[in-house]
Amino acid sequence: MTTVTHVTHEVFNQAEPLADTNLFRVNRPLRDALRALAPGFGGERLARLDALGAEMGSAAMQRHARLANAHSPVLHAHDRVGRRVDQVEFHASYHALMGAALRHGLHGTPWTGGPLAHVERAAGFMLFTEAEPSVLCPVSMTYAVTPALRANAALQAEWGPRLAARDYDERFVPGTAKRAVTMGMGMTEKQGGSDVRSNTTRAVYHGDDAWGRRYRITGHKWFMSAPMCDAFLVLAQAPGGLSCFFLPRHRPDGSVNAFFVQRLKHKLGNHANASSEVEFADASGWLVGEEGRGVPQILAMGALTRLDCALGTAGLMRQALSIALHHTAQRHAFGKPLVAQPLMKNVLADLALESEAATLLALRLALTVDRTENGAGGADAAHEQVMRRLLTPVAKFWVCKRGSHFGQEAMECLGGNGYVEAAGEGVMARIYRELPLNSIWEGAGNIMALDLQRALRGADVAPAIEHELRGARGAHEALDAAAARVLAAIDGGVPEAQSRILARDTALVLQAALLHRVSPPAVFEAFCGARLGAGSDVFGVLGSSVDVDPIIERAMPVEAA
């Protein structure tokens, strides 16, 4: 029998995948930001980020990210003989990614790492996110839980060291039997969403033990991300009002807690992460803080996961930009590479401006966390507290809001190839599906705008912004005009319906000031002209006077000569 092979054409003019690239070495904006914003950041910290950048840019780690998303988690509610087990099975690549995240200290490690540990972790979180592995939800929550857990000294003493340990353990065994644990949270219920005060889950006092005041918790959570974490902070109604509780998967005696996974969410993206609906039927939980103080208690955790939303979006932006630049440098049309076409150059340069500005704003927020937690703010400690309160909603709102638009434009640079999933090999499509989550998770845009309103109630906000702008005043006419508008709005008060405008304008002004401090003049001037002067509403409309070539060259995912 003769086999006939039909050869109809040769495949050419297709870009090779971006792989085996050290993500840290090619990210000049991030490296410049660390140098300018965090004096003293160097030595071992830089070496660790270099190692992380090499690992997360490797083809091997990209394969893990693809497989973890292509093979979604599977819920096993019962075993083969009918016993309730409520366990979620993950692909081996998910565990490989989780192990890498903990090994690089992206979870609770910074709380024991001294000054600049939170900054290092923030830079690492952005680099890790570039692979779009969809596993960072439990990593983020494990990082964020420490400030809230401090309100129960016994739990913090026993669980705190495990939250910072780097030995990832995937087994479904009591957390007290592991060296390292992960933690999640459960706030949202069907009827309330962000209005957690309408929660109906109930907590009934059941005695005291070594972990403090123990309660029986009955109710549900409509969104419980990462249900295979070892423990969770949850909100429930106690006699004294809505309260925060520590709810482990296993009780102290080793028995499985009354924690029932009803189903896993079928989501737009974030496929490697198991988001679930759960019910509690007299589950054992321990009070964290005081009865009736559950919302501020758990928001101490939520404020830090909001930081990670901004960091994660900035990381995804950077990778989407890198893929677009890599593709357009190889793909030819109309006789020359796409990256050399005037219209494409305008788009790519504009994306580069947005990516760099997002990186700087997110890293500046991480710096406020580091300085306020480690007491390294010196004479500016009070200023850093104000900036932390202000920047958390501003960065979460604006960086995450821009993410989806950014992802769409970057995808267009690849044309139809960018839209193709290809069993997970279409990294750009995976990034695009992930970006809206960071805007929704931990409070969507309106919640952030309302949080900004609360942050403005102090008389110290306008002076803090003035302090941030001090080096950039007079550097660009559009920045001076925008800063005057922001300060006038803060002084005069802003109606609730206009809060988003103030959040946007505050973010843009602070981004411009950071670019002036960190970035080359070409980047700063183009950003001010486009975002604060023209107020462009789409990417790729930079003015004819903008020299786009140095902006694109700075953003290229290649190591500097």
Protein backbone atom coordinates (compact mmCIF):
# COMPACT_ATOMS: atom_id res chain seq x y z
CA MET A 1 0.00 0.00 0.00
CA THR A 2 1.37 3.37 -0.96
CA THR A 3 0.97 6.36 1.35
CA VAL A 4 0.44 9.65 -0.45
CA THR A 5 1.51 12.82 1.32
CA HIS A 6 0.07 16.06 0.04
CA VAL A 7 2.48 18.97 0.35
CA THR A 8 0.57 22.12 -0.52
CA HIS A 9 2.66 24.83 1.05
CA GLU A 10 5.57 25.73 3.29
CA VAL A 11 4.88 27.38 6.65
CA PHE A 12 6.82 30.62 6.93
CA ASN A 13 6.44 34.15 8.31
CA GLN A 14 5.12 32.78 11.62
CA ALA A 15 6.64 33.97 14.88
CA GLU A 16 8.40 31.55 17.19
CA PRO A 17 7.09 31.39 20.79
CA LEU A 18 8.70 33.63 23.37
CA ALA A 19 10.44 31.13 25.63
CA ASP A 20 13.63 30.56 27.64
CA THR A 21 13.91 34.26 28.42
CA ASN A 22 14.99 35.64 31.79
CA LEU A 23 11.94 37.75 32.59
CA PHE A 24 13.81 39.87 35.12
CA ARG A 25 16.80 40.68 32.94
CA VAL A 26 14.64 41.85 30.03
CA ASN A 27 12.33 43.97 32.21
CA ARG A 28 14.20 47.27 32.29
CA PRO A 29 11.29 49.25 33.79
CA LEU A 30 11.10 46.90 36.77
CA ARG A 31 14.84 46.90 37.36
CA ASP A 32 15.01 50.69 37.09
CA ALA A 33 12.08 51.03 39.48
CA LEU A 34 13.76 48.87 42.12
CA ARG A 35 16.93 50.91 41.79
CA ALA A 36 15.17 54.28 42.05
CA LEU A 37 12.35 53.59 44.50
CA ALA A 38 14.04 51.16 46.89
CA PRO A 39 17.57 52.35 47.70
CA GLY A 40 19.59 49.51 49.13
CA PHE A 41 17.78 46.88 47.09
CA GLY A 42 20.52 44.70 45.69
CA GLY A 43 22.85 41.81 46.37
CA GLU A 44 21.04 38.61 47.28
CA ARG A 45 17.61 40.10 46.59
CA LEU A 46 18.56 40.89 42.99
CA ALA A 47 20.12 37.45 42.61
CA ARG A 48 16.93 35.78 43.82
CA LEU A 49 14.80 37.79 41.37
CA ASP A 50 17.22 36.90 38.59
CA ALA A 51 16.82 33.20 39.40
CA LEU A 52 13.03 33.56 39.51
CA GLY A 53 13.02 35.44 36.20
CA ALA A 54 14.98 32.65 34.56
CA GLU A 55 12.72 29.94 35.95
CA MET A 56 9.42 31.62 35.07
CA GLY A 57 10.61 32.48 31.57
CA SER A 58 11.70 28.92 30.87
CA ALA A 59 9.89 26.67 28.41
CA ALA A 60 9.50 24.10 31.19
CA MET A 61 7.61 26.47 33.46
CA GLN A 62 5.50 27.72 30.56
CA ARG A 63 4.53 24.12 29.92
CA HIS A 64 3.43 23.74 33.54
CA ALA A 65 1.33 26.89 33.22
CA ARG A 66 -0.30 25.55 30.06
CA LEU A 67 -1.06 22.13 31.53
CA ALA A 68 -2.37 23.50 34.82
CA ASN A 69 -4.88 25.60 32.87
CA ALA A 70 -5.71 23.01 30.22
CA HIS A 71 -6.46 20.33 32.86
CA SER A 72 -8.84 22.08 35.22
CA PRO A 73 -9.33 20.97 38.84
CA VAL A 74 -11.79 18.16 39.47
CA LEU A 75 -14.06 17.94 42.52
CA HIS A 76 -14.46 14.58 44.23
CA ALA A 77 -17.39 15.07 46.60
CA HIS A 78 -17.53 11.35 47.52
CA ASP A 79 -15.21 8.38 47.34
CA ARG A 80 -16.05 5.24 45.37
CA VAL A 81 -18.08 3.70 48.21
CA GLY A 82 -20.11 6.82 48.96
CA ARG A 83 -18.24 8.47 51.80
CA ARG A 84 -18.13 12.26 51.66
CA VAL A 85 -14.56 13.46 51.01
CA ASP A 86 -14.88 16.99 49.52
CA GLN A 87 -11.48 17.04 47.90
CA VAL A 88 -10.27 18.74 44.72
CA GLU A 89 -7.78 16.99 42.46
CA PHE A 90 -5.27 19.11 40.55
CA HIS A 91 -2.95 18.34 37.66
CA ALA A 92 0.66 17.69 38.63
CA SER A 93 1.68 20.94 36.95
CA TYR A 94 -0.49 22.90 39.39
CA HIS A 95 1.50 21.46 42.27
CA ALA A 96 4.77 22.17 40.46
CA LEU A 97 3.75 25.83 40.12
CA MET A 98 2.59 26.08 43.72
CA GLY A 99 5.85 24.53 44.86
CA ALA A 100 7.81 27.11 42.86
CA ALA A 101 5.76 30.01 44.29
CA LEU A 102 6.39 28.92 47.87
CA ARG A 103 10.02 28.07 47.18
CA HIS A 104 10.55 31.64 45.97
CA GLY A 105 8.79 33.08 49.03
CA LEU A 106 5.80 34.65 47.29
CA HIS A 107 3.40 33.68 50.10
CA GLY A 108 3.93 34.51 53.78
CA THR A 109 7.72 34.70 53.77
CA PRO A 110 8.04 38.53 53.63
CA TRP A 111 6.55 38.89 57.12
CA THR A 112 9.77 37.45 58.51
CA GLY A 113 12.13 38.89 55.89
CA GLY A 114 12.99 42.37 57.20
CA PRO A 115 13.12 45.67 55.28
CA LEU A 116 12.46 45.45 51.53
CA ALA A 117 11.15 41.88 51.81
CA HIS A 118 7.70 43.01 50.66
CA VAL A 119 9.26 44.88 47.73
CA GLU A 120 11.20 41.81 46.66
CA ARG A 121 8.10 39.72 46.96
CA ALA A 122 6.10 42.24 44.88
CA ALA A 123 8.66 42.15 42.07
CA GLY A 124 8.71 38.36 42.24
CA PHE A 125 4.91 38.21 42.17
CA MET A 126 4.88 40.24 38.95
CA LEU A 127 7.50 38.00 37.36
CA PHE A 128 5.66 34.84 38.39
CA THR A 129 2.38 36.20 37.02
CA GLU A 130 3.91 36.66 33.57
CA ALA A 131 3.54 32.91 33.01
CA GLU A 132 -0.22 33.29 33.67
CA PRO A 133 -0.33 30.09 35.69
CA SER A 134 -3.66 30.91 37.46
CA VAL A 135 -2.38 29.46 40.74
CA LEU A 136 -1.58 32.66 42.60
CA CYS A 137 -4.91 33.06 44.39
CA PRO A 138 -3.97 30.79 47.33
CA VAL A 139 -0.45 32.23 47.30
CA SER A 140 -1.84 35.75 47.56
CA MET A 141 -4.25 34.87 50.35
CA THR A 142 -1.52 33.11 52.30
CA TYR A 143 0.56 36.27 52.05
CA ALA A 144 -2.29 38.54 53.05
CA VAL A 145 -3.61 36.66 56.08
CA THR A 146 -0.90 37.57 58.59
CA PRO A 147 -2.12 41.05 59.64
CA ALA A 148 -5.62 39.69 60.30
CA LEU A 149 -4.43 36.56 62.08
CA ARG A 150 -2.41 38.62 64.54
CA ALA A 151 -5.68 39.36 66.34
CA ASN A 152 -5.60 35.78 67.69
CA ALA A 153 -2.20 35.35 69.31
CA ALA A 154 -2.55 31.60 69.81
CA LEU A 155 -3.37 30.94 66.15
CA GLN A 156 -0.65 33.30 64.96
CA ALA A 157 1.92 31.58 67.15
CA GLU A 158 1.04 28.11 65.84
CA TRP A 159 0.21 28.87 62.22
CA GLY A 160 2.40 31.91 61.51
CA PRO A 161 5.67 29.98 61.00
CA ARG A 162 3.92 27.52 58.68
CA LEU A 163 2.51 30.38 56.59
CA ALA A 164 6.08 31.58 55.96
CA ALA A 165 7.66 28.15 55.35
CA ARG A 166 8.72 27.26 51.79
CA ASP A 167 8.04 23.49 51.81
CA TYR A 168 4.85 23.15 49.77
CA ASP A 169 2.83 20.13 50.86
CA GLU A 170 -0.10 19.10 48.66
CA ARG A 171 -1.41 16.38 51.00
CA PHE A 172 -4.90 16.57 52.47
CA VAL A 173 -3.82 16.19 56.09
CA PRO A 174 -4.18 18.43 59.15
CA GLY A 175 -2.29 21.70 58.80
CA THR A 176 -0.61 21.01 62.12
CA ALA A 177 1.08 18.01 60.46
CA LYS A 178 2.70 20.13 57.73
CA ARG A 179 5.76 22.34 57.66
CA ALA A 180 4.09 24.78 55.23
CA VAL A 181 0.39 25.63 54.86
CA THR A 182 -1.78 27.82 52.68
CA MET A 183 -4.81 29.86 53.69
CA GLY A 184 -7.83 31.31 51.94
CA MET A 185 -10.85 33.41 52.79
CA GLY A 186 -14.63 33.28 52.43
CA MET A 187 -16.73 36.45 52.53
CA THR A 188 -19.21 36.43 49.65
CA GLU A 189 -22.67 34.86 49.93
CA LYS A 190 -25.40 34.46 47.32
CA GLN A 191 -27.63 37.25 48.54
CA GLY A 192 -25.01 39.88 49.30
CA GLY A 193 -21.95 39.95 47.08
CA SER A 194 -19.86 42.89 48.26
CA ASP A 195 -22.55 43.77 50.82
CA VAL A 196 -21.15 41.32 53.37
CA ARG A 197 -23.23 42.78 56.19
CA SER A 198 -26.18 40.95 54.65
CA ASN A 199 -24.44 37.61 55.25
CA THR A 200 -26.62 34.95 56.87
CA THR A 201 -24.00 32.39 57.95
CA ARG A 202 -24.31 31.96 61.74
CA ALA A 203 -21.76 31.31 64.48
CA VAL A 204 -22.74 29.93 67.90
CA TYR A 205 -20.29 29.98 70.81
CA HIS A 206 -19.14 26.48 71.75
CA GLY A 207 -16.42 26.91 74.39
CA ASP A 208 -12.77 27.86 74.76
CA ASP A 209 -9.62 25.88 74.01
CA ALA A 210 -5.95 26.42 73.12
CA TRP A 211 -6.90 28.39 69.98
CA GLY A 212 -9.28 30.72 71.81
CA ARG A 213 -13.06 31.10 71.55
CA ARG A 214 -14.53 28.25 69.49
CA TYR A 215 -17.82 28.50 67.57
CA ARG A 216 -20.09 26.24 65.52
CA ILE A 217 -20.55 27.78 62.07
CA THR A 218 -23.50 27.00 59.79
CA GLY A 219 -24.15 28.58 56.40
CA HIS A 220 -22.56 28.94 52.99
CA LYS A 221 -20.11 30.88 50.85
CA TRP A 222 -20.92 31.59 47.21
CA PHE A 223 -17.25 32.13 46.31
CA MET A 224 -14.57 30.23 48.21
CA SER A 225 -11.39 30.24 46.17
CA ALA A 226 -8.82 27.49 46.57
CA PRO A 227 -10.88 25.15 48.79
CA MET A 228 -7.91 22.84 49.31
CA CYS A 229 -6.14 25.45 51.44
CA ASP A 230 -5.44 24.26 54.96
CA ALA A 231 -7.56 26.94 56.62
CA PHE A 232 -9.66 30.03 55.87
CA LEU A 233 -10.77 33.28 57.37
CA VAL A 234 -14.56 33.51 57.02
CA LEU A 235 -17.28 35.95 58.04
CA ALA A 236 -20.30 34.83 60.06
CA GLN A 237 -22.95 36.44 62.21
CA ALA A 238 -22.21 35.98 65.92
CA PRO A 239 -24.35 37.35 68.80
CA GLY A 240 -22.19 40.49 68.78
CA GLY A 241 -22.52 41.02 65.02
CA LEU A 242 -20.61 40.07 61.89
CA SER A 243 -17.35 38.49 63.02
CA CYS A 244 -14.19 36.94 61.58
CA PHE A 245 -13.38 33.27 62.19
CA PHE A 246 -10.48 30.93 61.53
CA LEU A 247 -11.93 27.80 59.92
CA PRO A 248 -9.48 24.92 59.21
CA ARG A 249 -10.16 21.98 56.91
CA HIS A 250 -9.20 19.72 59.83
CA ARG A 251 -10.04 20.20 63.48
CA PRO A 252 -7.25 20.10 66.11
CA ASP A 253 -8.04 16.42 66.85
CA GLY A 254 -7.33 15.55 63.20
CA SER A 255 -10.94 15.00 62.13
CA VAL A 256 -12.17 16.62 58.92
CA ASN A 257 -14.14 19.78 59.59
CA ALA A 258 -17.78 20.11 58.45
CA PHE A 259 -16.76 21.89 55.24
CA PHE A 260 -18.66 20.69 52.18
CA VAL A 261 -17.70 21.64 48.61
CA GLN A 262 -20.91 21.84 46.60
CA ARG A 263 -19.40 22.50 43.18
CA LEU A 264 -16.56 24.26 41.39
CA LYS A 265 -17.20 27.43 39.40
CA HIS A 266 -16.96 27.26 35.61
CA LYS A 267 -15.21 30.57 34.96
CA LEU A 268 -14.19 32.70 32.00
CA GLY A 269 -10.52 32.28 32.93
CA ASN A 270 -8.41 31.43 35.96
CA HIS A 271 -8.91 27.81 35.03
CA ALA A 272 -6.10 26.28 37.10
CA ASN A 273 -7.56 27.70 40.31
CA ALA A 274 -10.49 25.96 41.96
CA SER A 275 -13.14 28.50 42.87
CA SER A 276 -15.95 26.83 44.75
CA GLU A 277 -19.29 27.05 46.48
CA VAL A 278 -19.21 25.60 49.98
CA GLU A 279 -21.50 24.92 52.91
CA PHE A 280 -20.74 24.66 56.63
CA ALA A 281 -22.84 22.48 58.93
CA ASP A 282 -21.69 23.08 62.52
CA ALA A 283 -18.14 23.56 61.30
CA SER A 284 -15.61 24.46 63.99
CA GLY A 285 -14.26 28.00 63.79
CA TRP A 286 -12.20 30.17 66.14
CA LEU A 287 -12.83 33.87 66.70
CA VAL A 288 -10.22 36.24 65.25
CA GLY A 289 -10.44 39.64 66.91
CA GLU A 290 -13.66 40.74 68.57
CA GLU A 291 -17.27 39.87 67.86
CA GLY A 292 -18.86 42.45 65.61
CA ARG A 293 -15.50 43.54 64.13
CA GLY A 294 -15.37 40.99 61.34
CA VAL A 295 -15.38 43.39 58.40
CA PRO A 296 -12.36 45.52 59.39
CA GLN A 297 -10.62 42.35 60.58
CA ILE A 298 -10.88 40.51 57.29
CA LEU A 299 -10.33 43.68 55.26
CA ALA A 300 -6.83 43.80 56.72
CA MET A 301 -6.37 40.70 54.59
CA GLY A 302 -8.36 42.10 51.65
CA ALA A 303 -6.22 45.23 51.43
CA LEU A 304 -3.16 43.09 50.70
CA THR A 305 -4.88 40.88 48.16
CA ARG A 306 -5.89 44.12 46.44
CA LEU A 307 -2.20 44.94 46.22
CA ASP A 308 -1.73 41.61 44.50
CA CYS A 309 -4.50 42.39 42.02
CA ALA A 310 -2.51 45.42 40.92
CA LEU A 311 0.78 43.52 40.90
CA GLY A 312 -0.73 40.61 39.01
CA THR A 313 -2.28 42.86 36.38
CA ALA A 314 1.00 44.70 35.89
CA GLY A 315 2.73 41.35 35.41
CA LEU A 316 0.16 40.19 32.86
CA MET A 317 0.45 43.51 31.03
CA ARG A 318 4.20 43.12 30.82
CA GLN A 319 3.97 39.61 29.38
CA ALA A 320 1.25 40.60 26.89
CA LEU A 321 3.46 43.48 25.75
CA SER A 322 6.49 41.20 25.50
CA ILE A 323 4.58 38.70 23.36
CA ALA A 324 3.29 41.50 21.11
CA LEU A 325 6.78 42.95 20.67
CA HIS A 326 8.31 39.51 20.08
CA HIS A 327 5.66 38.64 17.50
CA THR A 328 5.77 41.92 15.59
CA ALA A 329 9.55 41.80 15.38
CA GLN A 330 9.32 38.48 13.50
CA ARG A 331 6.14 38.87 11.48
CA HIS A 332 6.43 40.68 8.13
CA ALA A 333 3.71 42.51 6.24
CA PHE A 334 3.84 44.82 3.24
CA GLY A 335 7.56 44.29 2.84
CA LYS A 336 8.87 44.90 6.36
CA PRO A 337 8.46 43.69 9.96
CA LEU A 338 5.25 44.71 11.72
CA VAL A 339 7.30 46.43 14.40
CA ALA A 340 8.63 48.79 11.73
CA GLN A 341 5.17 49.81 10.47
CA PRO A 342 4.26 53.36 11.64
CA LEU A 343 0.79 52.50 12.95
CA MET A 344 2.01 49.39 14.77
CA LYS A 345 4.89 51.33 16.29
CA ASN A 346 2.43 53.83 17.69
CA VAL A 347 0.36 51.06 19.29
CA LEU A 348 3.37 49.24 20.71
CA ALA A 349 4.88 52.40 22.17
CA ASP A 350 1.56 53.34 23.76
CA LEU A 351 1.25 49.86 25.30
CA ALA A 352 4.80 50.18 26.58
CA LEU A 353 3.91 53.45 28.34
CA GLU A 354 0.91 51.82 30.02
CA SER A 355 2.85 48.76 31.11
CA GLU A 356 5.66 50.77 32.65
CA ALA A 357 3.27 53.11 34.45
CA ALA A 358 1.33 50.14 35.86
CA THR A 359 4.53 48.50 37.09
CA LEU A 360 5.65 51.65 38.89
CA LEU A 361 2.31 52.35 40.57
CA ALA A 362 1.94 48.76 41.80
CA LEU A 363 5.51 48.68 43.08
CA ARG A 364 5.04 52.02 44.84
CA LEU A 365 2.07 50.54 46.70
CA ALA A 366 4.19 47.54 47.71
CA LEU A 367 6.81 49.94 49.03
CA THR A 368 4.23 51.55 51.32
CA VAL A 369 3.42 48.12 52.72
CA ASP A 370 7.08 47.41 53.32
CA ARG A 371 7.74 50.72 55.03
CA THR A 372 4.65 50.63 57.24
CA GLU A 373 5.08 46.98 58.25
CA ASN A 374 8.83 47.03 58.79
CA GLY A 375 9.06 50.46 60.41
CA ALA A 376 11.46 51.52 57.69
CA GLY A 377 9.62 54.70 56.81
CA GLY A 378 11.81 56.80 59.12
CA ALA A 379 10.67 60.40 59.26
CA ASP A 380 8.16 59.64 56.49
CA ALA A 381 6.36 56.87 58.40
CA ALA A 382 3.16 58.91 58.68
CA HIS A 383 3.35 59.78 54.98
CA GLU A 384 3.69 56.11 54.03
CA GLN A 385 0.62 55.22 56.10
CA VAL A 386 -1.41 57.81 54.20
CA MET A 387 -0.07 56.63 50.85
CA ARG A 388 -0.86 53.02 51.69
CA ARG A 389 -4.44 53.97 52.52
CA LEU A 390 -4.74 56.06 49.35
CA LEU A 391 -2.86 53.91 46.85
CA THR A 392 -4.59 50.61 47.67
CA PRO A 393 -7.94 51.55 46.08
CA VAL A 394 -6.37 53.84 43.46
CA ALA A 395 -3.91 51.23 42.12
CA LYS A 396 -6.43 48.39 42.34
CA PHE A 397 -9.01 50.47 40.47
CA TRP A 398 -6.91 51.93 37.69
CA VAL A 399 -4.28 49.32 36.93
CA CYS A 400 -6.86 46.53 36.91
CA LYS A 401 -9.39 48.60 34.98
CA ARG A 402 -6.81 49.23 32.25
CA GLY A 403 -5.78 45.59 32.11
CA SER A 404 -8.59 44.26 29.95
CA HIS A 405 -8.29 47.06 27.39
CA PHE A 406 -4.54 46.51 27.34
CA GLY A 407 -4.93 42.77 26.79
CA GLN A 408 -7.32 43.30 23.90
CA GLU A 409 -4.97 45.71 22.13
CA ALA A 410 -1.97 43.44 22.66
CA MET A 411 -3.99 40.54 21.26
CA GLU A 412 -4.77 42.58 18.14
CA CYS A 413 -1.03 42.89 17.51
CA LEU A 414 -1.04 39.14 16.87
CA GLY A 415 -4.22 39.20 14.83
CA GLY A 416 -6.16 35.94 14.71
CA ASN A 417 -3.20 34.02 16.13
CA GLY A 418 -3.61 35.93 19.38
CA TYR A 419 -7.23 34.84 19.74
CA VAL A 420 -6.48 31.13 19.28
CA GLU A 421 -6.31 29.00 22.41
CA ALA A 422 -4.51 26.00 20.84
CA ALA A 423 -4.98 23.73 23.88
CA GLY A 424 -3.44 26.31 26.16
CA GLU A 425 -0.50 27.24 23.95
CA GLY A 426 -2.20 30.53 23.11
CA VAL A 427 -0.70 32.44 26.03
CA MET A 428 -2.15 35.77 24.88
CA ALA A 429 -5.68 34.35 24.93
CA ARG A 430 -5.10 32.98 28.42
CA ILE A 431 -3.84 36.36 29.62
CA TYR A 432 -6.86 38.11 28.10
CA ARG A 433 -9.27 35.78 29.92
CA GLU A 434 -7.46 36.29 33.21
CA LEU A 435 -7.30 40.09 33.22
CA PRO A 436 -10.96 40.87 34.11
CA LEU A 437 -10.68 38.75 37.26
CA ASN A 438 -8.20 41.10 38.90
CA SER A 439 -10.62 43.97 38.38
CA ILE A 440 -13.52 42.03 39.94
CA TRP A 441 -11.81 40.03 42.69
CA GLU A 442 -11.48 41.74 46.09
CA GLY A 443 -13.87 44.51 45.12
CA ALA A 444 -14.80 45.74 41.65
CA GLY A 445 -14.37 49.29 40.42
CA ASN A 446 -17.22 50.88 42.37
CA ILE A 447 -16.03 49.35 45.64
CA MET A 448 -12.56 50.78 45.05
CA ALA A 449 -14.00 54.21 44.26
CA LEU A 450 -15.98 54.11 47.52
CA ASP A 451 -12.83 53.06 49.40
CA LEU A 452 -11.07 56.06 47.92
CA GLN A 453 -13.84 58.26 49.30
CA ARG A 454 -13.17 56.82 52.75
CA ALA A 455 -9.43 57.38 52.35
CA LEU A 456 -10.06 61.07 51.59
CA ARG A 457 -11.73 61.72 54.94
CA GLY A 458 -8.38 62.50 56.53
CA ALA A 459 -6.95 65.99 56.18
CA ASP A 460 -3.55 64.53 55.33
CA VAL A 461 -4.25 63.24 51.81
CA ALA A 462 -3.63 66.42 49.80
CA PRO A 463 -0.27 67.11 51.52
CA ALA A 464 0.74 63.49 50.89
CA ILE A 465 0.03 63.83 47.17
CA GLU A 466 1.93 67.12 47.09
CA HIS A 467 4.86 65.30 48.69
CA GLU A 468 4.75 62.58 46.02
CA LEU A 469 4.72 65.21 43.26
CA ARG A 470 7.46 67.40 44.64
CA GLY A 471 10.17 66.35 42.19
CA ALA A 472 7.93 66.43 39.12
CA ARG A 473 6.33 69.85 39.52
CA GLY A 474 7.16 72.08 36.57
CA ALA A 475 8.41 69.15 34.46
CA HIS A 476 5.35 69.03 32.21
CA GLU A 477 2.49 71.48 31.75
CA ALA A 478 -0.15 68.74 31.50
CA LEU A 479 1.01 67.16 34.76
CA ASP A 480 0.85 70.49 36.61
CA ALA A 481 -2.68 71.10 35.33
CA ALA A 482 -3.87 67.58 36.21
CA ALA A 483 -2.30 67.77 39.68
CA ALA A 484 -4.12 71.05 40.32
CA ARG A 485 -7.43 69.41 39.36
CA VAL A 486 -6.84 66.45 41.66
CA LEU A 487 -5.86 68.58 44.64
CA ALA A 488 -8.81 70.91 44.09
CA ALA A 489 -11.18 67.92 43.97
CA ILE A 490 -9.74 66.53 47.21
CA ASP A 491 -10.03 69.89 48.97
CA GLY A 492 -13.55 70.57 47.71
CA GLY A 493 -14.94 67.07 48.08
CA VAL A 494 -16.19 64.79 45.32
CA PRO A 495 -19.75 63.43 45.00
CA GLU A 496 -19.97 59.65 45.09
CA ALA A 497 -21.01 59.50 41.43
CA GLN A 498 -17.74 61.22 40.44
CA SER A 499 -15.46 58.98 42.51
CA ARG A 500 -14.22 56.97 39.55
CA ILE A 501 -13.04 60.15 37.85
CA LEU A 502 -10.99 61.09 40.90
CA ALA A 503 -9.57 57.56 41.16
CA ARG A 504 -8.47 57.69 37.52
CA ASP A 505 -7.01 61.18 37.73
CA THR A 506 -5.16 60.45 40.97
CA ALA A 507 -3.66 57.31 39.46
CA LEU A 508 -2.52 59.12 36.33
CA VAL A 509 -0.93 61.99 38.24
CA LEU A 510 0.95 59.62 40.55
CA GLN A 511 2.03 57.44 37.62
CA ALA A 512 3.40 60.49 35.84
CA ALA A 513 5.35 61.54 38.93
CA LEU A 514 6.81 58.04 39.24
CA LEU A 515 7.78 57.99 35.56
CA HIS A 516 9.53 61.32 36.01
CA ARG A 517 11.50 59.84 38.89
CA VAL A 518 12.34 56.45 37.34
CA SER A 519 12.07 56.45 33.56
CA PRO A 520 13.80 58.14 30.61
CA PRO A 521 12.45 61.58 29.58
CA ALA A 522 10.96 60.13 26.39
CA VAL A 523 8.68 57.84 28.41
CA PHE A 524 7.64 60.53 30.89
CA GLU A 525 6.89 63.15 28.26
CA ALA A 526 4.95 60.78 26.00
CA PHE A 527 2.88 59.56 28.95
CA CYS A 528 2.02 63.08 30.11
CA GLY A 529 1.10 64.16 26.61
CA ALA A 530 -1.10 61.15 25.91
CA ARG A 531 -2.73 60.48 29.30
CA LEU A 532 -2.86 63.92 30.92
CA GLY A 533 -2.82 66.19 27.88
CA ALA A 534 -4.79 64.53 25.09
CA GLY A 535 -6.63 62.15 27.44
CA SER A 536 -6.56 59.46 24.74
CA ASP A 537 -9.23 56.81 25.17
CA VAL A 538 -7.67 54.15 22.91
CA PHE A 539 -4.15 52.85 22.46
CA GLY A 540 -2.12 53.88 19.45
CA VAL A 541 -2.99 57.57 19.18
CA LEU A 542 0.28 59.10 20.34
CA GLY A 543 0.98 62.48 18.78
CA SER A 544 3.24 62.86 15.77
CA SER A 545 5.87 64.60 17.89
CA VAL A 546 6.44 61.50 20.06
CA ASP A 547 9.65 59.63 19.30
CA VAL A 548 8.34 56.09 19.64
CA ASP A 549 11.58 54.25 18.80
CA PRO A 550 13.36 54.62 22.18
CA ILE A 551 10.12 53.71 23.99
CA ILE A 552 9.78 50.49 22.00
CA GLU A 553 13.48 49.66 22.32
CA ARG A 554 13.27 50.04 26.11
CA ALA A 555 10.32 47.64 26.28
CA MET A 556 11.70 44.90 24.02
CA PRO A 557 12.00 41.51 25.78
CA VAL A 558 15.73 41.24 25.10
CA GLU A 559 18.62 41.75 27.47
CA ALA A 560 20.37 45.10 27.24
CA ALA A 561 23.73 45.00 25.50
